[in-house]
Amino acid sequence: MADAGIARSEGLHSGTLTRADLADIVHNRLGVSRAESASIVERVLHHMCHSLSEGSNVKVSGFGTFILRDKGERIGRNPKTGVEVPIAPRRVLTFRASQIMRDRIAK
């Protein structure tokens, strides 16, 4: 897995890693143009989104797994009125960090 300090050492200024930050890291590490590095990041994200939209889970070794779950219809309750209301079935996306990632975060 890539060094966790890469983003910090390569100019990540905010507390959030953005597409632009990823593109800058690709540009600095691989030496490709900024346009090509942005394109690489966009293609990776596009393929991940496409796989998820097709119903596949996405596993990134050493990072984690994006998992699709189907939630069935259930009865909820309006907290203000206490009236029971049906909640429609839906598909949700969850992320499960790998053990490697969980260990790194815990440090």
C-alpha atoms as a PDB file:
ATOM      1  CA  MET A   1       0.000   0.000   0.000  1.00  0.00           C
ATOM      2  CA  ALA A   2       1.183   3.516  -0.735  1.00  0.00           C
ATOM      3  CA  ASP A   3       2.704   5.576   2.035  1.00  0.00           C
ATOM      4  CA  ALA A   4       0.034   7.224   4.184  1.00  0.00           C
ATOM      5  CA  GLY A   5       2.187  10.348   4.409  1.00  0.00           C
ATOM      6  CA  ILE A   6       2.213  10.958   0.661  1.00  0.00           C
ATOM      7  CA  ALA A   7      -0.675  13.407   0.714  1.00  0.00           C
ATOM      8  CA  ARG A   8       0.820  15.383   3.582  1.00  0.00           C
ATOM      9  CA  SER A   9       4.261  15.539   1.990  1.00  0.00           C
ATOM     10  CA  GLU A  10       2.910  16.476  -1.428  1.00  0.00           C
ATOM     11  CA  GLY A  11       0.900  19.534  -0.499  1.00  0.00           C
ATOM     12  CA  LEU A  12      -2.469  18.420   0.876  1.00  0.00           C
ATOM     13  CA  HIS A  13      -3.575  21.604   2.607  1.00  0.00           C
ATOM     14  CA  SER A  14      -7.091  20.893   3.850  1.00  0.00           C
ATOM     15  CA  GLY A  15      -8.283  18.004   5.963  1.00  0.00           C
ATOM     16  CA  THR A  16      -9.966  16.464   2.919  1.00  0.00           C
ATOM     17  CA  LEU A  17      -8.266  14.618   0.068  1.00  0.00           C
ATOM     18  CA  THR A  18      -9.840  15.825  -3.196  1.00  0.00           C
ATOM     19  CA  ARG A  19      -9.696  14.725  -6.836  1.00  0.00           C
ATOM     20  CA  ALA A  20      -7.304  17.597  -7.495  1.00  0.00           C
ATOM     21  CA  ASP A  21      -5.045  16.399  -4.663  1.00  0.00           C
ATOM     22  CA  LEU A  22      -5.065  12.868  -6.099  1.00  0.00           C
ATOM     23  CA  ALA A  23      -4.244  14.231  -9.557  1.00  0.00           C
ATOM     24  CA  ASP A  24      -1.346  16.263  -8.110  1.00  0.00           C
ATOM     25  CA  ILE A  25       0.013  13.170  -6.354  1.00  0.00           C
ATOM     26  CA  VAL A  26      -0.190  11.146  -9.591  1.00  0.00           C
ATOM     27  CA  HIS A  27       1.496  14.023 -11.454  1.00  0.00           C
ATOM     28  CA  ASN A  28       4.343  14.264  -8.916  1.00  0.00           C
ATOM     29  CA  ARG A  29       4.888  10.513  -8.510  1.00  0.00           C
ATOM     30  CA  LEU A  30       4.581   9.410 -12.149  1.00  0.00           C
ATOM     31  CA  GLY A  31       5.840  12.517 -13.894  1.00  0.00           C
ATOM     32  CA  VAL A  32       2.905  12.666 -16.316  1.00  0.00           C
ATOM     33  CA  SER A  33       1.273  15.936 -17.303  1.00  0.00           C
ATOM     34  CA  ARG A  34      -1.321  17.473 -15.010  1.00  0.00           C
ATOM     35  CA  ALA A  35      -4.008  16.865 -17.635  1.00  0.00           C
ATOM     36  CA  GLU A  36      -3.042  13.198 -17.953  1.00  0.00           C
ATOM     37  CA  SER A  37      -2.893  12.728 -14.178  1.00  0.00           C
ATOM     38  CA  ALA A  38      -6.372  14.271 -13.820  1.00  0.00           C
ATOM     39  CA  SER A  39      -7.591  11.955 -16.585  1.00  0.00           C
ATOM     40  CA  ILE A  40      -6.136   8.904 -14.810  1.00  0.00           C
ATOM     41  CA  VAL A  41      -7.886   9.814 -11.556  1.00  0.00           C
ATOM     42  CA  GLU A  42     -11.173  10.437 -13.394  1.00  0.00           C
ATOM     43  CA  ARG A  43     -10.953   7.100 -15.235  1.00  0.00           C
ATOM     44  CA  VAL A  44     -10.304   5.161 -12.025  1.00  0.00           C
ATOM     45  CA  LEU A  45     -13.231   6.857 -10.270  1.00  0.00           C
ATOM     46  CA  HIS A  46     -15.443   6.342 -13.340  1.00  0.00           C
ATOM     47  CA  HIS A  47     -14.696   2.610 -13.416  1.00  0.00           C
ATOM     48  CA  MET A  48     -15.407   2.310  -9.701  1.00  0.00           C
ATOM     49  CA  CYS A  49     -18.733   4.158 -10.072  1.00  0.00           C
ATOM     50  CA  HIS A  50     -19.676   2.117 -13.134  1.00  0.00           C
ATOM     51  CA  SER A  51     -19.009  -1.178 -11.346  1.00  0.00           C
ATOM     52  CA  LEU A  52     -21.067  -0.060  -8.366  1.00  0.00           C
ATOM     53  CA  SER A  53     -23.934   1.107 -10.582  1.00  0.00           C
ATOM     54  CA  GLU A  54     -23.908  -2.322 -12.269  1.00  0.00           C
ATOM     55  CA  GLY A  55     -24.342  -3.977  -8.867  1.00  0.00           C
ATOM     56  CA  SER A  56     -20.755  -5.108  -8.248  1.00  0.00           C
ATOM     57  CA  ASN A  57     -18.805  -4.466  -5.073  1.00  0.00           C
ATOM     58  CA  VAL A  58     -15.438  -2.719  -5.436  1.00  0.00           C
ATOM     59  CA  LYS A  59     -12.442  -4.050  -3.502  1.00  0.00           C
ATOM     60  CA  VAL A  60      -9.180  -2.110  -3.312  1.00  0.00           C
ATOM     61  CA  SER A  61      -6.580  -4.382  -1.740  1.00  0.00           C
ATOM     62  CA  GLY A  62      -5.026  -2.876   1.376  1.00  0.00           C
ATOM     63  CA  PHE A  63      -7.627  -0.096   1.430  1.00  0.00           C
ATOM     64  CA  GLY A  64     -11.123  -1.520   1.742  1.00  0.00           C
ATOM     65  CA  THR A  65     -14.301  -2.647   0.021  1.00  0.00           C
ATOM     66  CA  PHE A  66     -17.260  -0.630  -1.201  1.00  0.00           C
ATOM     67  CA  ILE A  67     -20.279  -2.878  -0.643  1.00  0.00           C
ATOM     68  CA  LEU A  68     -23.803  -2.531  -2.031  1.00  0.00           C
ATOM     69  CA  ARG A  69     -26.608  -3.660   0.268  1.00  0.00           C
ATOM     70  CA  ASP A  70     -30.307  -3.904  -0.450  1.00  0.00           C
ATOM     71  CA  LYS A  71     -32.425  -2.806   2.486  1.00  0.00           C
ATOM     72  CA  GLY A  72     -35.968  -4.083   2.594  1.00  0.00           C
ATOM     73  CA  GLU A  73     -39.091  -2.094   3.307  1.00  0.00           C
ATOM     74  CA  ARG A  74     -39.589  -1.383   6.981  1.00  0.00           C
ATOM     75  CA  ILE A  75     -41.731   0.625   9.315  1.00  0.00           C
ATOM     76  CA  GLY A  76     -40.261   3.823  10.728  1.00  0.00           C
ATOM     77  CA  ARG A  77     -41.650   6.358  13.133  1.00  0.00           C
ATOM     78  CA  ASN A  78     -41.936  10.125  12.770  1.00  0.00           C
ATOM     79  CA  PRO A  79     -40.010  11.382  15.830  1.00  0.00           C
ATOM     80  CA  LYS A  80     -42.203  14.483  16.210  1.00  0.00           C
ATOM     81  CA  THR A  81     -45.620  12.859  15.940  1.00  0.00           C
ATOM     82  CA  GLY A  82     -44.916   9.228  16.737  1.00  0.00           C
ATOM     83  CA  VAL A  83     -46.895   8.167  13.652  1.00  0.00           C
ATOM     84  CA  GLU A  84     -45.637   5.003  11.951  1.00  0.00           C
ATOM     85  CA  VAL A  85     -44.643   5.449   8.309  1.00  0.00           C
ATOM     86  CA  PRO A  86     -43.392   2.906   5.771  1.00  0.00           C
ATOM     87  CA  ILE A  87     -39.802   3.334   4.600  1.00  0.00           C
ATOM     88  CA  ALA A  88     -39.350   2.187   1.004  1.00  0.00           C
ATOM     89  CA  PRO A  89     -36.786  -0.466   0.084  1.00  0.00           C
ATOM     90  CA  ARG A  90     -33.509   0.970  -1.141  1.00  0.00           C
ATOM     91  CA  ARG A  91     -29.958   0.154  -2.090  1.00  0.00           C
ATOM     92  CA  VAL A  92     -27.200   1.633   0.057  1.00  0.00           C
ATOM     93  CA  LEU A  93     -23.446   1.868  -0.359  1.00  0.00           C
ATOM     94  CA  THR A  94     -21.225   1.063   2.595  1.00  0.00           C
ATOM     95  CA  PHE A  95     -17.464   1.045   2.984  1.00  0.00           C
ATOM     96  CA  ARG A  96     -15.554  -1.508   5.004  1.00  0.00           C
ATOM     97  CA  ALA A  97     -11.918  -0.597   5.626  1.00  0.00           C
ATOM     98  CA  SER A  98      -9.355  -3.375   5.284  1.00  0.00           C
ATOM     99  CA  GLN A  99      -7.519  -4.582   8.367  1.00  0.00           C
ATOM    100  CA  ILE A 100      -4.371  -2.862   7.074  1.00  0.00           C
ATOM    101  CA  MET A 101      -6.231   0.455   6.824  1.00  0.00           C
ATOM    102  CA  ARG A 102      -7.841   0.028  10.251  1.00  0.00           C
ATOM    103  CA  ASP A 103      -4.428  -0.679  11.787  1.00  0.00           C
ATOM    104  CA  ARG A 104      -2.934   2.434  10.162  1.00  0.00           C
ATOM    105  CA  ILE A 105      -5.789   4.636  11.336  1.00  0.00           C
ATOM    106  CA  ALA A 106      -5.516   3.282  14.891  1.00  0.00           C
ATOM    107  CA  LYS A 107      -1.857   4.384  15.161  1.00  0.00           C
END
